[in-house]
Amino acid sequence: MNSADRHSLGLQFTINKIVYKIFGAMSNDLYVEISAHFDIETVENLVANRRKTVLLTYMAKQTIIYAKCSAEWFICLSVFLFIAFV
């Protein structure tokens, strides 16, 4: 995700404003401390984590499908060879 996409979301700005409104005027260091204490992640990290989860899930499903197809091919090949050489 490039910076234009991140800025077009506008979510990080909204989250920052909400935190600033709840805790009043504060410095950037205090904002970082509050974010760490309340486990407020940046939108970029949330999107990256979600993307990673989706890709890992997709890859796991593809591996399962590949394993099932491989097992079926192995069984078919075994039966074919058994019939051919009997």
Protein backbone atom coordinates (compact mmCIF):
# COMPACT_ATOMS: atom_id res chain seq x y z
CA MET A 1 0.00 0.00 0.00
CA ASN A 2 1.55 3.29 -1.05
CA SER A 3 1.35 6.53 0.91
CA ALA A 4 -1.43 7.94 -1.27
CA ASP A 5 -3.62 4.96 -0.43
CA ARG A 6 -2.90 5.31 3.27
CA HIS A 7 -3.72 9.02 3.24
CA SER A 8 -6.87 8.45 1.21
CA LEU A 9 -8.19 6.21 3.96
CA GLY A 10 -8.09 9.11 6.38
CA LEU A 11 -8.53 6.70 9.25
CA GLN A 12 -5.23 7.44 10.94
CA PHE A 13 -6.08 11.14 11.06
CA THR A 14 -9.47 10.30 12.58
CA ILE A 15 -7.92 8.01 15.19
CA ASN A 16 -5.34 10.65 16.07
CA LYS A 17 -8.03 13.31 16.48
CA ILE A 18 -10.14 11.05 18.70
CA VAL A 19 -7.17 10.33 20.97
CA TYR A 20 -6.28 14.04 21.08
CA LYS A 21 -9.88 14.95 21.98
CA ILE A 22 -10.15 12.32 24.71
CA PHE A 23 -6.83 13.15 26.38
CA GLY A 24 -6.69 16.87 25.54
CA ALA A 25 -3.80 18.76 24.01
CA MET A 26 -0.62 16.71 24.25
CA SER A 27 2.78 16.28 22.72
CA ASN A 28 3.70 13.65 20.17
CA ASP A 29 5.71 11.74 22.80
CA LEU A 30 2.66 11.56 25.06
CA TYR A 31 0.55 10.38 22.11
CA VAL A 32 3.05 7.59 21.41
CA GLU A 33 3.01 6.61 25.09
CA ILE A 34 -0.81 6.54 25.22
CA SER A 35 -0.95 4.54 21.97
CA ALA A 36 1.47 1.99 23.37
CA HIS A 37 -0.36 1.78 26.71
CA PHE A 38 -3.82 1.30 25.18
CA ASP A 39 -2.47 -0.80 22.28
CA ILE A 40 -3.67 1.61 19.57
CA GLU A 41 -2.08 0.47 16.34
CA THR A 42 -1.57 2.58 13.26
CA VAL A 43 -3.86 2.00 10.30
CA GLU A 44 -0.85 0.95 8.24
CA ASN A 45 -0.04 -1.84 10.74
CA LEU A 46 -3.66 -2.96 10.89
CA VAL A 47 -3.88 -3.19 7.10
CA ALA A 48 -0.52 -5.01 6.90
CA ASN A 49 -1.58 -7.52 9.57
CA ARG A 50 -4.91 -8.14 7.84
CA ARG A 51 -3.19 -8.62 4.48
CA LYS A 52 -0.76 -11.09 6.05
CA THR A 53 -3.63 -13.03 7.66
CA VAL A 54 -5.56 -13.25 4.40
CA LEU A 55 -2.50 -14.38 2.46
CA LEU A 56 -1.57 -17.01 5.05
CA THR A 57 -5.14 -18.32 5.07
CA TYR A 58 -5.19 -18.46 1.27
CA MET A 59 -1.83 -20.23 1.17
CA ALA A 60 -2.97 -22.77 3.78
CA LYS A 61 -6.11 -23.54 1.77
CA GLN A 62 -4.08 -23.92 -1.40
CA THR A 63 -1.70 -26.32 0.38
CA ILE A 64 -4.62 -28.43 1.62
CA ILE A 65 -6.15 -28.57 -1.86
CA TYR A 66 -2.77 -29.51 -3.35
CA ALA A 67 -2.28 -32.24 -0.74
CA LYS A 68 -5.75 -33.69 -1.43
CA CYS A 69 -5.18 -33.67 -5.18
CA SER A 70 -1.76 -35.27 -4.75
CA ALA A 71 -3.22 -38.00 -2.54
CA GLU A 72 -5.98 -38.71 -5.05
CA TRP A 73 -3.48 -38.90 -7.91
CA PHE A 74 -1.29 -41.24 -5.88
CA ILE A 75 -4.24 -43.54 -5.19
CA CYS A 76 -5.31 -43.53 -8.84
CA LEU A 77 -1.76 -44.22 -10.00
CA SER A 78 -1.40 -47.03 -7.47
CA VAL A 79 -4.64 -48.66 -8.60
CA PHE A 80 -3.67 -48.27 -12.25
CA LEU A 81 -0.24 -49.84 -11.69
CA PHE A 82 -1.77 -52.65 -9.63
CA ILE A 83 -4.25 -53.43 -12.42
CA ALA A 84 -1.62 -53.11 -15.14
CA PHE A 85 0.84 -55.53 -13.55
CA VAL A 86 -1.60 -58.10 -12.20
